[in-house]
Protein backbone atom coordinates (compact mmCIF):
# COMPACT_ATOMS: atom_id res chain seq x y z
CA UNK A 1 -22.02 29.81 -0.69
CA UNK A 2 -23.49 27.20 1.64
CA UNK A 3 -21.80 26.85 5.02
CA UNK A 4 -21.86 23.50 6.78
CA UNK A 5 -21.36 22.65 10.41
CA UNK A 6 -18.37 20.38 9.84
CA UNK A 7 -18.55 18.74 13.26
CA UNK A 8 -22.14 17.75 12.58
CA UNK A 9 -21.23 16.64 9.04
CA UNK A 10 -18.39 14.48 10.40
CA UNK A 11 -20.74 12.85 12.89
CA UNK A 12 -23.30 12.20 10.16
CA UNK A 13 -20.56 10.64 7.98
CA UNK A 14 -19.42 8.41 10.85
CA UNK A 15 -23.00 7.22 11.34
CA UNK A 16 -23.29 6.51 7.61
CA UNK A 17 -20.16 4.36 7.86
CA UNK A 18 -21.51 2.58 10.94
CA UNK A 19 -24.81 1.86 9.20
CA UNK A 20 -23.03 0.49 6.10
CA UNK A 21 -20.67 -1.73 8.09
CA UNK A 22 -23.32 -3.24 10.40
CA UNK A 23 -24.56 -6.00 8.05
CA UNK A 24 -20.98 -6.71 6.95
CA UNK A 25 -19.87 -7.18 10.57
CA UNK A 26 -22.88 -9.42 11.23
CA UNK A 27 -21.93 -11.64 8.29
CA UNK A 28 -18.31 -11.73 9.44
CA UNK A 29 -19.50 -12.80 12.91
CA UNK A 30 -21.26 -15.76 11.29
CA UNK A 31 -18.17 -16.60 9.22
CA UNK A 32 -16.03 -16.36 12.36
CA UNK A 33 -18.25 -18.74 14.33
CA UNK A 34 -18.29 -21.26 11.48
CA UNK A 35 -14.53 -21.05 11.07
CA UNK A 36 -14.05 -21.45 14.82
CA UNK A 37 -16.32 -24.51 14.88
CA UNK A 38 -14.31 -26.03 12.03
CA UNK A 39 -10.97 -25.14 13.59
CA UNK A 40 -10.10 -23.01 10.57
CA UNK A 41 -7.84 -19.96 10.51
CA UNK A 42 -9.82 -16.88 11.57
CA UNK A 43 -7.07 -14.27 11.17
CA UNK A 44 -8.42 -12.83 7.90
CA UNK A 45 -11.90 -12.50 9.35
CA UNK A 46 -10.55 -10.85 12.47
CA UNK A 47 -8.46 -8.35 10.49
CA UNK A 48 -11.51 -7.39 8.39
CA UNK A 49 -13.60 -6.89 11.53
CA UNK A 50 -10.92 -4.72 13.13
CA UNK A 51 -10.57 -2.63 9.97
CA UNK A 52 -14.35 -2.12 9.82
CA UNK A 53 -14.49 -1.13 13.48
CA UNK A 54 -11.75 1.45 12.94
CA UNK A 55 -13.36 3.14 9.93
CA UNK A 56 -15.46 5.73 11.81
CA UNK A 57 -12.41 6.84 13.80
CA UNK A 58 -10.01 7.30 10.92
CA UNK A 59 -7.95 10.48 11.07
CA UNK A 60 -8.99 11.59 7.59
CA UNK A 61 -12.52 12.24 8.87
CA UNK A 62 -11.23 14.58 11.56
CA UNK A 63 -8.89 16.31 9.09
CA UNK A 64 -11.63 16.95 6.50
CA UNK A 65 -12.21 20.67 6.00
CA UNK A 66 -15.11 20.46 3.56
CA UNK A 67 -18.11 18.25 2.94
CA UNK A 68 -16.59 17.31 -0.42
CA UNK A 69 -13.46 16.02 1.31
CA UNK A 70 -15.65 14.10 3.71
CA UNK A 71 -17.56 12.44 0.86
CA UNK A 72 -14.28 11.14 -0.56
CA UNK A 73 -13.60 9.20 2.64
CA UNK A 74 -15.23 5.85 1.90
CA UNK A 75 -13.45 2.50 1.80
CA UNK A 76 -15.14 0.75 -1.14
CA UNK A 77 -13.00 -2.33 -0.48
CA UNK A 78 -14.60 -2.86 2.93
CA UNK A 79 -17.91 -1.04 2.64
CA UNK A 80 -18.77 -1.36 -1.04
CA UNK A 81 -20.17 1.53 -3.06
CA UNK A 82 -21.62 4.62 -1.38
CA UNK A 83 -25.39 5.00 -1.48
């Protein structure tokens, strides 16, 4: 049986989330600036950005006991499919 350092695995998973969300946040920044310039409602954009920022700190990552549990923690709605 392979033993994993779960703290290291959790940190790697958080970095994977951060890497996946980076281009999404950059695009949302552009959308936000355009919406602001047009005087449009930015609340949906802001809520998406907040949700993306919170993903690496979600409690389910800290509660994961196995690498398999960790792999299940991926918000396809916000991040798309896992690589």
